[in-house]
PDB file of N, CA and C in Angstrom:
ATOM      1  N   UNK A   1     -14.121 108.503-112.829  1.00  0.00           N
ATOM      2  CA  UNK A   1     -14.417 107.093-112.664  1.00  0.00           C
ATOM      3  C   UNK A   1     -15.109 106.588-113.932  1.00  0.00           C
ATOM      4  N   UNK A   2     -14.705 105.400-114.415  1.00  0.00           N
ATOM      5  CA  UNK A   2     -15.384 104.841-115.593  1.00  0.00           C
ATOM      6  C   UNK A   2     -16.873 104.669-115.344  1.00  0.00           C
ATOM      7  N   UNK A   3     -17.613 104.675-116.401  1.00  0.00           N
ATOM      8  CA  UNK A   3     -19.075 104.559-116.296  1.00  0.00           C
ATOM      9  C   UNK A   3     -19.518 103.140-116.622  1.00  0.00           C
ATOM     10  N   UNK A   4     -19.649 102.357-115.584  1.00  0.00           N
ATOM     11  CA  UNK A   4     -20.103 100.987-115.731  1.00  0.00           C
ATOM     12  C   UNK A   4     -21.623 100.930-115.598  1.00  0.00           C
ATOM     13  N   UNK A   5     -22.193  99.925-116.223  1.00  0.00           N
ATOM     14  CA  UNK A   5     -23.636  99.704-116.124  1.00  0.00           C
ATOM     15  C   UNK A   5     -23.980  99.257-114.705  1.00  0.00           C
ATOM     16  N   UNK A   6     -25.058  99.764-114.176  1.00  0.00           N
ATOM     17  CA  UNK A   6     -25.552  99.352-112.859  1.00  0.00           C
ATOM     18  C   UNK A   6     -26.979  98.855-113.047  1.00  0.00           C
ATOM     19  N   UNK A   7     -27.198  97.594-112.688  1.00  0.00           N
ATOM     20  CA  UNK A   7     -28.544  97.014-112.738  1.00  0.00           C
ATOM     21  C   UNK A   7     -29.150  97.118-111.343  1.00  0.00           C
ATOM     22  N   UNK A   8     -30.333  97.709-111.251  1.00  0.00           N
ATOM     23  CA  UNK A   8     -30.996  97.851-109.957  1.00  0.00           C
ATOM     24  C   UNK A   8     -32.361  97.174-110.035  1.00  0.00           C
ATOM     25  N   UNK A   9     -32.633  96.331-109.050  1.00  0.00           N
ATOM     26  CA  UNK A   9     -33.904  95.621-109.036  1.00  0.00           C
ATOM     27  C   UNK A   9     -34.405  95.467-107.606  1.00  0.00           C
ATOM     28  N   UNK A  10     -35.692  95.288-107.463  1.00  0.00           N
ATOM     29  CA  UNK A  10     -36.331  95.084-106.167  1.00  0.00           C
ATOM     30  C   UNK A  10     -36.165  93.623-105.760  1.00  0.00           C
ATOM     31  N   UNK A  11     -35.778  93.405-104.516  1.00  0.00           N
ATOM     32  CA  UNK A  11     -35.665  92.055-103.978  1.00  0.00           C
ATOM     33  C   UNK A  11     -36.691  91.887-102.867  1.00  0.00           C
ATOM     34  N   UNK A  12     -37.694  91.088-103.149  1.00  0.00           N
ATOM     35  CA  UNK A  12     -38.723  90.814-102.146  1.00  0.00           C
ATOM     36  C   UNK A  12     -38.089  90.145-100.927  1.00  0.00           C
ATOM     37  N   UNK A  13     -37.173  89.230-101.191  1.00  0.00           N
ATOM     38  CA  UNK A  13     -36.501  88.480-100.119  1.00  0.00           C
ATOM     39  C   UNK A  13     -35.739  89.401 -99.164  1.00  0.00           C
ATOM     40  N   UNK A  14     -35.071  90.411 -99.721  1.00  0.00           N
ATOM     41  CA  UNK A  14     -34.274  91.333 -98.903  1.00  0.00           C
ATOM     42  C   UNK A  14     -35.066  92.549 -98.440  1.00  0.00           C
ATOM     43  N   UNK A  15     -36.211  92.769 -99.058  1.00  0.00           N
ATOM     44  CA  UNK A  15     -37.027  93.915 -98.685  1.00  0.00           C
ATOM     45  C   UNK A  15     -36.403  95.244 -99.071  1.00  0.00           C
ATOM     46  N   UNK A  16     -35.733  95.263-100.209  1.00  0.00           N
ATOM     47  CA  UNK A  16     -35.111  96.506-100.680  1.00  0.00           C
ATOM     48  C   UNK A  16     -34.573  96.323-102.077  1.00  0.00           C
ATOM     49  N   UNK A  17     -33.819  97.316-102.519  1.00  0.00           N
ATOM     50  CA  UNK A  17     -33.266  97.310-103.864  1.00  0.00           C
ATOM     51  C   UNK A  17     -31.832  96.789-103.845  1.00  0.00           C
ATOM     52  N   UNK A  18     -31.511  95.981-104.834  1.00  0.00           N
ATOM     53  CA  UNK A  18     -30.160  95.468-105.024  1.00  0.00           C
ATOM     54  C   UNK A  18     -29.600  96.136-106.270  1.00  0.00           C
ATOM     55  N   UNK A  19     -28.395  96.666-106.148  1.00  0.00           N
ATOM     56  CA  UNK A  19     -27.700  97.274-107.285  1.00  0.00           C
ATOM     57  C   UNK A  19     -26.487  96.404-107.595  1.00  0.00           C
ATOM     58  N   UNK A  20     -26.410  95.936-108.811  1.00  0.00           N
ATOM     59  CA  UNK A  20     -25.347  95.041-109.234  1.00  0.00           C
ATOM     60  C   UNK A  20     -24.576  95.676-110.393  1.00  0.00           C
ATOM     61  N   UNK A  21     -23.243  95.551-110.356  1.00  0.00           N
ATOM     62  CA  UNK A  21     -22.390  96.063-111.431  1.00  0.00           C
ATOM     63  C   UNK A  21     -21.848  94.838-112.176  1.00  0.00           C
ATOM     64  N   UNK A  22     -22.480  94.452-113.279  1.00  0.00           N
ATOM     65  CA  UNK A  22     -22.139  93.199-113.959  1.00  0.00           C
ATOM     66  C   UNK A  22     -20.676  93.077-114.388  1.00  0.00           C
ATOM     67  N   UNK A  23     -20.056  94.172-114.766  1.00  0.00           N
ATOM     68  CA  UNK A  23     -18.675  94.108-115.253  1.00  0.00           C
ATOM     69  C   UNK A  23     -17.649  93.999-114.128  1.00  0.00           C
ATOM     70  N   UNK A  24     -18.083  94.186-112.896  1.00  0.00           N
ATOM     71  CA  UNK A  24     -17.187  94.086-111.747  1.00  0.00           C
ATOM     72  C   UNK A  24     -17.692  92.951-110.858  1.00  0.00           C
ATOM     73  N   UNK A  25     -17.114  91.764-110.977  1.00  0.00           N
ATOM     74  CA  UNK A  25     -17.599  90.607-110.224  1.00  0.00           C
ATOM     75  C   UNK A  25     -17.725  90.889-108.724  1.00  0.00           C
ATOM     76  N   UNK A  26     -18.838  90.489-108.179  1.00  0.00           N
ATOM     77  CA  UNK A  26     -19.148  90.613-106.745  1.00  0.00           C
ATOM     78  C   UNK A  26     -19.297  92.053-106.265  1.00  0.00           C
ATOM     79  N   UNK A  27     -19.424  92.992-107.170  1.00  0.00           N
ATOM     80  CA  UNK A  27     -19.625  94.394-106.792  1.00  0.00           C
ATOM     81  C   UNK A  27     -21.124  94.686-106.832  1.00  0.00           C
ATOM     82  N   UNK A  28     -21.704  94.772-105.647  1.00  0.00           N
ATOM     83  CA  UNK A  28     -23.131  95.042-105.554  1.00  0.00           C
ATOM     84  C   UNK A  28     -23.408  95.796-104.264  1.00  0.00           C
ATOM     85  N   UNK A  29     -24.618  96.285-104.138  1.00  0.00           N
ATOM     86  CA  UNK A  29     -24.988  97.071-102.964  1.00  0.00           C
ATOM     87  C   UNK A  29     -26.478  96.918-102.710  1.00  0.00           C
ATOM     88  N   UNK A  30     -26.892  97.340-101.519  1.00  0.00           N
ATOM     89  CA  UNK A  30     -28.285  97.267-101.092  1.00  0.00           C
ATOM     90  C   UNK A  30     -28.745  98.655-100.668  1.00  0.00           C
ATOM     91  N   UNK A  31     -30.018  98.932-100.905  1.00  0.00           N
ATOM     92  CA  UNK A  31     -30.604 100.173-100.415  1.00  0.00           C
ATOM     93  C   UNK A  31     -32.091  99.992-100.191  1.00  0.00           C
ATOM     94  N   UNK A  32     -32.614 100.704 -99.231  1.00  0.00           N
ATOM     95  CA  UNK A  32     -34.051 100.642 -98.983  1.00  0.00           C
ATOM     96  C   UNK A  32     -34.835 101.376-100.062  1.00  0.00           C
ATOM     97  N   UNK A  33     -34.147 102.300-100.759  1.00  0.00           N
ATOM     98  CA  UNK A  33     -34.758 102.993-101.897  1.00  0.00           C
ATOM     99  C   UNK A  33     -33.862 102.785-103.123  1.00  0.00           C
ATOM    100  N   UNK A  34     -34.423 103.045-104.289  1.00  0.00           N
ATOM    101  CA  UNK A  34     -33.673 102.946-105.538  1.00  0.00           C
ATOM    102  C   UNK A  34     -32.455 103.864-105.494  1.00  0.00           C
ATOM    103  N   UNK A  35     -32.687 105.085-105.043  1.00  0.00           N
ATOM    104  CA  UNK A  35     -31.617 106.083-104.991  1.00  0.00           C
ATOM    105  C   UNK A  35     -30.509 105.679-104.030  1.00  0.00           C
ATOM    106  N   UNK A  36     -30.894 105.110-102.885  1.00  0.00           N
ATOM    107  CA  UNK A  36     -29.903 104.676-101.900  1.00  0.00           C
ATOM    108  C   UNK A  36     -29.070 103.522-102.460  1.00  0.00           C
ATOM    109  N   UNK A  37     -29.711 102.597-103.154  1.00  0.00           N
ATOM    110  CA  UNK A  37     -28.988 101.472-103.754  1.00  0.00           C
ATOM    111  C   UNK A  37     -27.982 101.975-104.781  1.00  0.00           C
ATOM    112  N   UNK A  38     -28.379 102.944-105.594  1.00  0.00           N
ATOM    113  CA  UNK A  38     -27.470 103.508-106.584  1.00  0.00           C
ATOM    114  C   UNK A  38     -26.296 104.204-105.900  1.00  0.00           C
ATOM    115  N   UNK A  39     -26.580 105.007-104.891  1.00  0.00           N
ATOM    116  CA  UNK A  39     -25.526 105.711-104.160  1.00  0.00           C
ATOM    117  C   UNK A  39     -24.526 104.717-103.558  1.00  0.00           C
ATOM    118  N   UNK A  40     -25.040 103.658-102.949  1.00  0.00           N
ATOM    119  CA  UNK A  40     -24.177 102.644-102.346  1.00  0.00           C
ATOM    120  C   UNK A  40     -23.377 101.888-103.411  1.00  0.00           C
ATOM    121  N   UNK A  41     -23.979 101.634-104.569  1.00  0.00           N
ATOM    122  CA  UNK A  41     -23.276 100.957-105.657  1.00  0.00           C
ATOM    123  C   UNK A  41     -22.130 101.821-106.180  1.00  0.00           C
ATOM    124  N   UNK A  42     -22.360 103.124-106.292  1.00  0.00           N
ATOM    125  CA  UNK A  42     -21.293 104.018-106.749  1.00  0.00           C
ATOM    126  C   UNK A  42     -20.131 104.035-105.757  1.00  0.00           C
ATOM    127  N   UNK A  43     -20.441 104.004-104.477  1.00  0.00           N
ATOM    128  CA  UNK A  43     -19.387 103.956-103.452  1.00  0.00           C
ATOM    129  C   UNK A  43     -18.634 102.624-103.533  1.00  0.00           C
ATOM    130  N   UNK A  44     -19.364 101.521-103.722  1.00  0.00           N
ATOM    131  CA  UNK A  44     -18.736 100.203-103.831  1.00  0.00           C
ATOM    132  C   UNK A  44     -17.845 100.133-105.066  1.00  0.00           C
ATOM    133  N   UNK A  45     -18.316 100.718-106.176  1.00  0.00           N
ATOM    134  CA  UNK A  45     -17.539 100.749-107.409  1.00  0.00           C
ATOM    135  C   UNK A  45     -16.228 101.502-107.222  1.00  0.00           C
ATOM    136  N   UNK A  46     -16.315 102.645-106.571  1.00  0.00           N
ATOM    137  CA  UNK A  46     -15.132 103.467-106.336  1.00  0.00           C
ATOM    138  C   UNK A  46     -14.104 102.686-105.507  1.00  0.00           C
ATOM    139  N   UNK A  47     -14.558 102.026-104.463  1.00  0.00           N
ATOM    140  CA  UNK A  47     -13.671 101.230-103.620  1.00  0.00           C
ATOM    141  C   UNK A  47     -13.096 100.045-104.391  1.00  0.00           C
ATOM    142  N   UNK A  48     -13.926  99.379-105.157  1.00  0.00           N
ATOM    143  CA  UNK A  48     -13.514  98.225-105.959  1.00  0.00           C
ATOM    144  C   UNK A  48     -12.399  98.623-106.924  1.00  0.00           C
ATOM    145  N   UNK A  49     -12.631  99.708-107.681  1.00  0.00           N
ATOM    146  CA  UNK A  49     -11.650 100.147-108.672  1.00  0.00           C
ATOM    147  C   UNK A  49     -10.379 100.661-108.008  1.00  0.00           C
ATOM    148  N   UNK A  50     -10.508 101.332-106.886  1.00  0.00           N
ATOM    149  CA  UNK A  50      -9.363 101.820-106.136  1.00  0.00           C
ATOM    150  C   UNK A  50      -8.487 100.653-105.671  1.00  0.00           C
ATOM    151  N   UNK A  51      -9.134  99.607-105.197  1.00  0.00           N
ATOM    152  CA  UNK A  51      -8.400  98.424-104.740  1.00  0.00           C
ATOM    153  C   UNK A  51      -7.667  97.763-105.894  1.00  0.00           C
ATOM    154  N   UNK A  52      -8.320  97.638-107.047  1.00  0.00           N
ATOM    155  CA  UNK A  52      -7.655  97.058-108.220  1.00  0.00           C
ATOM    156  C   UNK A  52      -6.412  97.863-108.585  1.00  0.00           C
ATOM    157  N   UNK A  53      -6.547  99.178-108.591  1.00  0.00           N
ATOM    158  CA  UNK A  53      -5.408 100.035-108.948  1.00  0.00           C
ATOM    159  C   UNK A  53      -4.265  99.887-107.946  1.00  0.00           C
ATOM    160  N   UNK A  54      -4.603  99.845-106.659  1.00  0.00           N
ATOM    161  CA  UNK A  54      -3.575  99.686-105.624  1.00  0.00           C
ATOM    162  C   UNK A  54      -2.837  98.362-105.769  1.00  0.00           C
ATOM    163  N   UNK A  55      -3.545  97.324-106.202  1.00  0.00           N
ATOM    164  CA  UNK A  55      -2.944  96.006-106.390  1.00  0.00           C
ATOM    165  C   UNK A  55      -2.202  95.893-107.716  1.00  0.00           C
ATOM    166  N   UNK A  56      -2.343  96.895-108.566  1.00  0.00           N
ATOM    167  CA  UNK A  56      -1.714  96.851-109.880  1.00  0.00           C
ATOM    168  C   UNK A  56      -2.459  95.973-110.861  1.00  0.00           C
ATOM    169  N   UNK A  57      -3.716  95.714-110.563  1.00  0.00           N
ATOM    170  CA  UNK A  57      -4.563  94.894-111.432  1.00  0.00           C
ATOM    171  C   UNK A  57      -5.262  95.792-112.441  1.00  0.00           C
ATOM    172  N   UNK A  58      -5.364  95.298-113.662  1.00  0.00           N
ATOM    173  CA  UNK A  58      -6.013  96.077-114.713  1.00  0.00           C
ATOM    174  C   UNK A  58      -7.498  96.276-114.414  1.00  0.00           C
ATOM    175  N   UNK A  59      -7.957  97.480-114.620  1.00  0.00           N
ATOM    176  CA  UNK A  59      -9.370  97.815-114.432  1.00  0.00           C
ATOM    177  C   UNK A  59     -10.147  97.276-115.638  1.00  0.00           C
ATOM    178  N   UNK A  60     -11.259  96.564-115.401  1.00  0.00           N
ATOM    179  CA  UNK A  60     -12.036  96.010-116.515  1.00  0.00           C
ATOM    180  C   UNK A  60     -12.489  97.097-117.494  1.00  0.00           C
ATOM    181  N   UNK A  61     -12.399  96.766-118.771  1.00  0.00           N
ATOM    182  CA  UNK A  61     -12.841  97.694-119.813  1.00  0.00           C
ATOM    183  C   UNK A  61     -14.359  97.800-119.797  1.00  0.00           C
ATOM    184  N   UNK A  62     -14.837  98.940-120.186  1.00  0.00           N
ATOM    185  CA  UNK A  62     -16.280  99.142-120.294  1.00  0.00           C
ATOM    186  C   UNK A  62     -16.811  98.335-121.468  1.00  0.00           C
ATOM    187  N   UNK A  63     -18.003  97.794-121.298  1.00  0.00           N
ATOM    188  CA  UNK A  63     -18.679  97.124-122.417  1.00  0.00           C
ATOM    189  C   UNK A  63     -19.121  98.180-123.407  1.00  0.00           C
ATOM    190  N   UNK A  64     -18.956  97.892-124.671  1.00  0.00           N
ATOM    191  CA  UNK A  64     -19.485  98.847-125.641  1.00  0.00           C
ATOM    192  C   UNK A  64     -20.950  98.526-125.866  1.00  0.00           C
ATOM    193  N   UNK A  65     -21.738  99.566-125.983  1.00  0.00           N
ATOM    194  CA  UNK A  65     -23.167  99.393-126.232  1.00  0.00           C
ATOM    195  C   UNK A  65     -23.452  99.917-127.623  1.00  0.00           C
ATOM    196  N   UNK A  66     -24.095  99.093-128.389  1.00  0.00           N
ATOM    197  CA  UNK A  66     -24.464  99.494-129.739  1.00  0.00           C
ATOM    198  C   UNK A  66     -25.855 100.103-129.685  1.00  0.00           C
ATOM    199  N   UNK A  67     -25.961 101.236-130.286  1.00  0.00           N
ATOM    200  CA  UNK A  67     -27.259 101.896-130.345  1.00  0.00           C
ATOM    201  C   UNK A  67     -27.941 101.546-131.659  1.00  0.00           C
ATOM    202  N   UNK A  68     -29.138 101.068-131.545  1.00  0.00           N
ATOM    203  CA  UNK A  68     -29.892 100.706-132.735  1.00  0.00           C
ATOM    204  C   UNK A  68     -30.586 101.936-133.294  1.00  0.00           C
ATOM    205  N   UNK A  69     -30.693 102.044-134.593  1.00  0.00           N
ATOM    206  CA  UNK A  69     -31.388 103.193-135.174  1.00  0.00           C
ATOM    207  C   UNK A  69     -32.856 103.221-134.743  1.00  0.00           C
ATOM    208  N   UNK A  70     -33.380 104.395-134.595  1.00  0.00           N
ATOM    209  CA  UNK A  70     -34.773 104.555-134.157  1.00  0.00           C
ATOM    210  C   UNK A  70     -35.732 104.200-135.249  1.00  0.00           C
TER     211      UNK A  70
END
């Protein structure tokens, strides 16, 4: 599975962690813990990409990240 960036943050409103995959529109997940949110996001990503492939839709390319010198 491609390695997409996953942003995880605490949501006071939801009372848990939200995991969002910016490169995959509307692909996000919820977890009561950071680890649970990540696990759920990985499952959502797998389903999202599987659905795109089944539909014959191109899978979004990974964003390139430039590493700055230390």
